[in-house]
Amino acid sequence: MLSYLLKRLALVVPTTLAVLVLTFFLLRASGSPVDEILGEKGGTPEERARLEHELGLDRPAAVQFVDYFARLARGDMGTIVSTHAPVAREIARRLPNTLILAFTAMLLATLVGVASGILSALRRDSLLDLALRFLTFCFISTPVFWFGIMLIFLFAYLLGWLPASATGEGGWRVFVLPVIALGLRPAAFIARVTRSSFLDELGRNYVLAARAKGLSEWTIALRHVLRNVAIPLVTVIGGDLGNLLGGTMITEKVFSFNGVGRFAVDAVLNRWYDAVMGVTLFWALVFILVNLAIDLAYAFADPRVAFERAEP
C-alpha cells in the first residue's frame, strides 16, 4: 500500500501544474479585469494602459505565468483586484462554511441514499419500491438550483420556518435548506447504486445460506450484504463528496451562502484572475485528495484489494 500511495502522491504535482497552466491561459483568453474596473464606458486608452501596467497585464502571458507561479511557490496566492484583499485569506475565511455545508450534505445523502436503496431492494417491485425509484429518478433529473428555489419558496416564504438566505444571523438554521438542496441529488445516486448492488448480492449463495439459518432480511442486509457492496458505495460516496466540495457554487449563490463556491462565482464574473486561480487550485487539490482517499478506503472496505497490482 505504501508504494501505491507514493506513486499517487507523485502525480499530485504534475496534475496540479497542468490544471494551473490550463486555467491561467484560458482566463487570459476570456477577457481582462480592466474591462470590469473601467465599466461600460471603457475609459480612455491612457487609463486602460495605466491599469494594465499596474496589474502586470501588459507583459507576455508566459512571463505573467512564471511570475504567478513564483509567487505561489512562496505561499502568495495574489490579491483581489477590487479590494486588494489576499486571496488566501478570503478562501480561508469562507472555507469552514463550505466544509460544513458539503460534509453535512454528504452525511445526509449517505444516510438517506443507503437506507432508501436497501429498503427499495428488500421490497423489490412493491409500491414502496416504485415510489422510491420514481423519487430517485426525479431527484437525479432535477437541477440543484431548482431544489433551492422550491425549498426557499416553501419553507421560507410560505411557511416561514427557515431563513431564505444565509447572509444574516440564524445559527444552524441557515444551513438546513442549503444542506437539503445540495444533498438530494447525491442521495438519489447513492440510492440507485445501493439498490442495484443489493439486488446483485441478494441472489448469491451466502444470502441463501443465511436465510436457511433463519436470519431476518434486515440482519442479512446489514451484517452481510452491506459489507460486500462497500466498494461501489465508497466509490459513489467519495466521488459525490469531491463534487460537493468543489461544486457548491450554485447552492451557495442561490442561498447567498458565504462560502468558497459563491466566492468563485464572484471571481469569475469580475475576472479576478488571482482569485479564480486560487479557487481552482483549491478544488484541484480537493479532487486529487478525495480520489486518493477513495482508493485507500478500498483496502478497508475489501481486504482483497491489492494496490501493488492495481498499477499497470
Protein backbone atom coordinates (compact mmCIF):
# COMPACT_ATOMS: atom_id res chain seq x y z
CA MET A 1 0.00 0.00 0.00
CA LEU A 2 2.89 2.35 0.78
CA SER A 3 4.37 2.09 -2.71
CA TYR A 4 0.93 2.70 -4.23
CA LEU A 5 0.46 5.76 -2.01
CA LEU A 6 3.84 7.17 -3.01
CA LYS A 7 3.06 6.65 -6.71
CA ARG A 8 -0.24 8.50 -6.37
CA LEU A 9 1.33 11.35 -4.39
CA ALA A 10 3.99 11.71 -7.07
CA LEU A 11 1.22 12.54 -9.56
CA VAL A 12 -0.15 15.40 -7.45
CA VAL A 13 2.42 17.97 -8.59
CA PRO A 14 2.21 17.42 -12.39
CA THR A 15 -1.59 17.13 -12.24
CA THR A 16 -1.94 20.35 -10.26
CA LEU A 17 0.53 22.13 -12.52
CA ALA A 18 -1.41 21.07 -15.62
CA VAL A 19 -4.63 22.41 -14.10
CA LEU A 20 -2.96 25.72 -13.23
CA VAL A 21 -1.48 26.15 -16.70
CA LEU A 22 -4.77 25.41 -18.43
CA THR A 23 -6.75 27.71 -16.13
CA PHE A 24 -4.23 30.53 -16.36
CA PHE A 25 -4.19 30.78 -20.15
CA LEU A 26 -7.94 30.22 -20.52
CA LEU A 27 -8.51 33.11 -18.13
CA ARG A 28 -6.27 35.39 -20.19
CA ALA A 29 -8.20 34.42 -23.30
CA SER A 30 -11.58 35.14 -21.69
CA GLY A 31 -11.00 38.85 -21.13
CA SER A 32 -9.29 41.34 -18.87
CA PRO A 33 -10.28 42.55 -15.37
CA VAL A 34 -9.61 46.05 -16.69
CA ASP A 35 -12.92 45.80 -18.56
CA GLU A 36 -14.77 45.27 -15.28
CA ILE A 37 -12.87 48.02 -13.47
CA LEU A 38 -13.43 50.67 -16.14
CA GLY A 39 -17.07 49.71 -16.64
CA GLU A 40 -19.21 50.05 -19.75
CA LYS A 41 -17.54 53.24 -20.98
CA GLY A 42 -14.17 51.50 -21.03
CA GLY A 43 -12.17 54.59 -20.10
CA THR A 44 -9.54 56.28 -22.19
CA PRO A 45 -6.67 54.38 -23.83
CA GLU A 46 -4.32 56.06 -21.36
CA GLU A 47 -6.35 54.88 -18.36
CA ARG A 48 -6.52 51.39 -19.76
CA ALA A 49 -2.78 51.25 -20.41
CA ARG A 50 -2.05 52.54 -16.90
CA LEU A 51 -4.27 49.91 -15.26
CA GLU A 52 -2.82 47.11 -17.37
CA HIS A 53 0.67 48.20 -16.35
CA GLU A 54 -0.26 48.37 -12.67
CA LEU A 55 -1.77 44.89 -12.81
CA GLY A 56 1.10 43.49 -14.85
CA LEU A 57 -1.18 42.58 -17.76
CA ASP A 58 0.92 44.39 -20.36
CA ARG A 59 3.57 41.67 -20.23
CA PRO A 60 3.54 38.41 -22.25
CA ALA A 61 1.26 35.72 -20.83
CA ALA A 62 4.16 33.31 -20.34
CA VAL A 63 6.03 35.89 -18.24
CA GLN A 64 2.88 36.51 -16.20
CA PHE A 65 2.54 32.80 -15.51
CA VAL A 66 6.16 32.43 -14.39
CA ASP A 67 5.68 35.40 -12.06
CA TYR A 68 2.44 33.93 -10.68
CA PHE A 69 4.00 30.52 -10.15
CA ALA A 70 6.98 32.08 -8.35
CA ARG A 71 4.62 33.94 -6.01
CA LEU A 72 2.56 30.78 -5.47
CA ALA A 73 5.70 28.84 -4.54
CA ARG A 74 6.28 31.43 -1.79
CA GLY A 75 2.74 30.93 -0.49
CA ASP A 76 1.35 34.08 -2.08
CA MET A 77 -1.90 33.38 -3.96
CA GLY A 78 -2.27 37.00 -5.03
CA THR A 79 -4.89 39.61 -4.21
CA ILE A 80 -8.37 40.59 -5.34
CA VAL A 81 -8.20 43.44 -7.83
CA SER A 82 -11.09 45.50 -6.46
CA THR A 83 -10.45 45.14 -2.71
CA HIS A 84 -6.73 44.25 -2.62
CA ALA A 85 -7.59 41.54 -0.08
CA PRO A 86 -5.32 38.47 -0.10
CA VAL A 87 -6.92 35.56 -1.95
CA ALA A 88 -5.63 33.00 0.56
CA ARG A 89 -7.26 34.90 3.44
CA GLU A 90 -10.59 35.16 1.61
CA ILE A 91 -10.62 31.43 0.81
CA ALA A 92 -9.65 30.53 4.39
CA ARG A 93 -12.41 32.78 5.75
CA ARG A 94 -15.08 31.08 3.64
CA LEU A 95 -13.72 27.55 3.72
CA PRO A 96 -15.29 26.47 7.07
CA ASN A 97 -18.79 27.28 5.77
CA THR A 98 -18.23 25.28 2.59
CA LEU A 99 -16.79 22.33 4.51
CA ILE A 100 -19.72 22.27 6.93
CA LEU A 101 -22.18 22.54 4.05
CA ALA A 102 -20.54 19.84 1.92
CA PHE A 103 -19.86 17.29 4.67
CA THR A 104 -23.31 17.71 6.24
CA ALA A 105 -24.98 17.36 2.84
CA MET A 106 -22.88 14.27 2.14
CA LEU A 107 -23.80 12.76 5.52
CA LEU A 108 -27.48 13.38 4.82
CA ALA A 109 -27.16 11.97 1.28
CA THR A 110 -25.36 8.85 2.54
CA LEU A 111 -27.88 8.07 5.28
CA VAL A 112 -30.92 8.73 3.12
CA GLY A 113 -29.47 7.12 -0.01
CA VAL A 114 -28.23 3.91 1.62
CA ALA A 115 -31.38 3.47 3.72
CA SER A 116 -33.76 4.05 0.82
CA GLY A 117 -31.66 1.87 -1.50
CA ILE A 118 -31.70 -1.05 0.93
CA LEU A 119 -35.42 -0.63 1.59
CA SER A 120 -36.14 -0.48 -2.13
CA ALA A 121 -34.11 -3.64 -2.80
CA LEU A 122 -35.72 -5.60 0.02
CA ARG A 123 -39.21 -4.54 -1.17
CA ARG A 124 -38.50 -5.09 -4.85
CA ASP A 125 -41.38 -4.28 -7.24
CA SER A 126 -43.64 -3.21 -4.37
CA LEU A 127 -45.46 0.13 -4.29
CA LEU A 128 -42.78 1.43 -1.93
CA ASP A 129 -40.05 0.37 -4.35
CA LEU A 130 -41.82 2.04 -7.27
CA ALA A 131 -42.31 5.24 -5.27
CA LEU A 132 -38.66 5.37 -4.20
CA ARG A 133 -37.46 4.69 -7.74
CA PHE A 134 -39.70 7.45 -9.06
CA LEU A 135 -38.36 9.92 -6.48
CA THR A 136 -34.82 8.84 -7.29
CA PHE A 137 -35.40 9.49 -10.98
CA CYS A 138 -36.88 12.93 -10.21
CA PHE A 139 -34.02 13.97 -7.92
CA ILE A 140 -31.35 12.86 -10.39
CA SER A 141 -33.07 14.66 -13.29
CA THR A 142 -33.71 17.95 -11.47
CA PRO A 143 -31.02 20.67 -11.24
CA VAL A 144 -29.81 21.77 -7.82
CA PHE A 145 -30.85 25.40 -8.23
CA TRP A 146 -34.48 24.31 -8.74
CA PHE A 147 -34.38 22.43 -5.44
CA GLY A 148 -33.03 25.55 -3.78
CA ILE A 149 -35.70 27.84 -5.21
CA MET A 150 -38.53 25.44 -4.29
CA LEU A 151 -37.21 24.99 -0.75
CA ILE A 152 -36.95 28.75 -0.28
CA PHE A 153 -40.47 29.25 -1.62
CA LEU A 154 -41.97 26.53 0.60
CA PHE A 155 -40.09 26.74 3.89
CA ALA A 156 -39.04 30.40 3.89
CA TYR A 157 -41.85 32.34 2.19
CA LEU A 158 -44.97 30.15 2.58
CA LEU A 159 -44.29 28.56 5.97
CA GLY A 160 -41.68 30.96 7.36
CA TRP A 161 -39.90 28.19 9.24
CA LEU A 162 -36.37 28.78 7.97
CA PRO A 163 -34.36 31.77 6.63
CA ALA A 164 -34.29 32.22 2.87
CA SER A 165 -30.61 33.17 2.80
CA ALA A 166 -27.53 32.60 4.90
CA THR A 167 -26.42 36.23 4.99
CA GLY A 168 -27.99 37.14 8.32
CA GLU A 169 -27.98 35.68 11.81
CA GLY A 170 -29.66 32.33 12.28
CA GLY A 171 -27.13 29.85 13.65
CA TRP A 172 -27.61 26.28 12.45
CA ARG A 173 -30.93 27.17 10.80
CA VAL A 174 -29.17 28.89 7.88
CA PHE A 175 -27.58 25.56 6.94
CA VAL A 176 -30.79 23.50 6.77
CA LEU A 177 -32.13 24.48 3.35
CA PRO A 178 -28.72 24.58 1.59
CA VAL A 179 -27.84 21.16 3.03
CA ILE A 180 -31.11 19.63 1.84
CA ALA A 181 -30.85 21.23 -1.62
CA LEU A 182 -27.26 20.07 -2.02
CA GLY A 183 -27.82 16.58 -0.63
CA LEU A 184 -30.92 15.45 -2.56
CA ARG A 185 -29.20 14.70 -5.86
CA PRO A 186 -26.28 12.67 -4.44
CA ALA A 187 -28.77 10.85 -2.18
CA ALA A 188 -30.61 9.72 -5.32
CA PHE A 189 -27.38 8.47 -6.94
CA ILE A 190 -26.40 6.59 -3.78
CA ALA A 191 -29.89 5.07 -3.52
CA ARG A 192 -29.73 3.84 -7.11
CA VAL A 193 -26.26 2.29 -6.67
CA THR A 194 -27.25 0.74 -3.34
CA ARG A 195 -30.41 -0.83 -4.78
CA SER A 196 -28.71 -2.27 -7.86
CA SER A 197 -25.75 -3.59 -5.82
CA PHE A 198 -28.04 -5.19 -3.25
CA LEU A 199 -30.15 -6.86 -5.90
CA ASP A 200 -27.00 -8.38 -7.40
CA GLU A 201 -26.00 -9.79 -4.00
CA LEU A 202 -29.37 -10.99 -2.70
CA GLY A 203 -29.39 -13.98 -5.05
CA ARG A 204 -25.94 -15.27 -4.09
CA ASN A 205 -25.31 -18.48 -2.18
CA TYR A 206 -24.20 -16.89 1.10
CA VAL A 207 -27.51 -14.98 1.26
CA LEU A 208 -29.47 -18.17 0.64
CA ALA A 209 -27.45 -19.90 3.37
CA ALA A 210 -28.14 -17.05 5.79
CA ARG A 211 -31.85 -17.26 5.07
CA ALA A 212 -31.75 -21.02 5.65
CA LYS A 213 -30.30 -20.33 9.11
CA GLY A 214 -33.36 -18.23 9.89
CA LEU A 215 -31.74 -14.79 9.82
CA SER A 216 -34.06 -11.87 9.08
CA GLU A 217 -33.78 -9.92 5.82
CA TRP A 218 -32.56 -6.81 7.62
CA THR A 219 -29.91 -8.79 9.52
CA ILE A 220 -28.68 -10.30 6.28
CA ALA A 221 -28.70 -6.91 4.58
CA LEU A 222 -26.84 -5.00 7.28
CA ARG A 223 -24.40 -7.66 8.50
CA HIS A 224 -23.52 -9.46 5.28
CA VAL A 225 -24.68 -7.80 2.07
CA LEU A 226 -23.75 -4.23 3.03
CA ARG A 227 -20.14 -5.28 3.57
CA ASN A 228 -19.96 -6.88 0.14
CA VAL A 229 -21.34 -3.83 -1.68
CA ALA A 230 -18.97 -1.47 0.11
CA ILE A 231 -16.71 -0.93 -2.91
CA PRO A 232 -19.31 0.63 -5.25
CA LEU A 233 -20.77 2.61 -2.33
CA VAL A 234 -17.37 4.00 -1.35
CA THR A 235 -16.75 4.96 -4.97
CA VAL A 236 -20.00 6.87 -5.44
CA ILE A 237 -19.93 8.47 -1.97
CA GLY A 238 -16.33 9.59 -2.35
CA GLY A 239 -16.97 10.94 -5.84
CA ASP A 240 -20.04 12.83 -4.66
CA LEU A 241 -18.08 14.28 -1.75
CA GLY A 242 -15.48 15.65 -4.14
CA ASN A 243 -18.23 17.07 -6.32
CA LEU A 244 -19.94 18.68 -3.33
CA LEU A 245 -16.72 20.27 -2.06
CA GLY A 246 -15.94 21.64 -5.49
CA GLY A 247 -19.44 22.20 -6.79
CA THR A 248 -21.26 24.19 -4.13
CA MET A 249 -21.28 27.28 -6.33
CA ILE A 250 -24.91 27.13 -7.43
CA THR A 251 -26.24 26.30 -3.97
CA GLU A 252 -24.19 29.00 -2.28
CA LYS A 253 -25.28 31.56 -4.85
CA VAL A 254 -28.98 30.67 -4.53
CA PHE A 255 -28.91 30.91 -0.74
CA SER A 256 -26.43 33.84 -0.58
CA PHE A 257 -24.16 31.49 1.35
CA ASN A 258 -20.78 32.95 2.22
CA GLY A 259 -18.62 30.06 1.04
CA VAL A 260 -15.86 29.27 -1.41
CA GLY A 261 -18.37 28.46 -4.16
CA ARG A 262 -20.02 31.87 -4.06
CA PHE A 263 -16.57 33.47 -3.92
CA ALA A 264 -15.65 31.54 -7.08
CA VAL A 265 -18.74 32.82 -8.90
CA ASP A 266 -17.93 36.41 -7.96
CA ALA A 267 -14.33 35.90 -9.02
CA VAL A 268 -15.31 34.57 -12.46
CA LEU A 269 -17.91 37.28 -13.09
CA ASN A 270 -15.47 40.04 -12.13
CA ARG A 271 -12.44 38.37 -13.77
CA TRP A 272 -10.40 38.36 -10.57
CA TYR A 273 -7.54 36.37 -12.05
CA ASP A 274 -5.74 35.52 -8.82
CA ALA A 275 -8.98 34.58 -7.06
CA VAL A 276 -10.03 32.23 -9.86
CA MET A 277 -6.59 30.64 -9.85
CA GLY A 278 -6.70 30.24 -6.07
CA VAL A 279 -10.11 28.59 -6.06
CA THR A 280 -9.10 26.34 -8.98
CA LEU A 281 -6.00 25.24 -7.09
CA PHE A 282 -8.11 24.52 -4.03
CA TRP A 283 -10.61 22.42 -5.97
CA ALA A 284 -7.88 20.56 -7.86
CA LEU A 285 -6.25 19.52 -4.59
CA VAL A 286 -9.63 18.55 -3.15
CA PHE A 287 -10.41 16.24 -6.07
CA ILE A 288 -6.94 14.70 -6.02
CA LEU A 289 -7.00 14.03 -2.28
CA VAL A 290 -10.59 12.73 -2.31
CA ASN A 291 -9.76 10.29 -5.12
CA LEU A 292 -6.69 9.16 -3.21
CA ALA A 293 -8.79 8.68 -0.06
CA ILE A 294 -11.28 6.60 -2.07
CA ASP A 295 -8.52 4.31 -3.32
CA LEU A 296 -7.16 3.86 0.20
CA ALA A 297 -10.66 3.22 1.54
CA TYR A 298 -10.91 0.23 -0.80
CA ALA A 299 -8.38 -1.62 1.35
CA PHE A 300 -10.54 -1.20 4.44
CA ALA A 301 -13.79 -1.94 2.61
CA ASP A 302 -12.37 -5.03 0.89
CA PRO A 303 -9.04 -6.53 2.09
CA ARG A 304 -8.81 -8.47 -1.20
CA VAL A 305 -7.77 -5.26 -2.98
CA ALA A 306 -4.09 -5.39 -3.94
CA PHE A 307 -2.72 -1.92 -4.58
CA GLU A 308 0.62 -3.08 -5.93
CA ARG A 309 -1.16 -4.94 -8.75
CA ALA A 310 -3.58 -2.10 -9.45
CA GLU A 311 -1.00 -0.13 -11.37
CA PRO A 312 -0.32 -1.21 -14.99
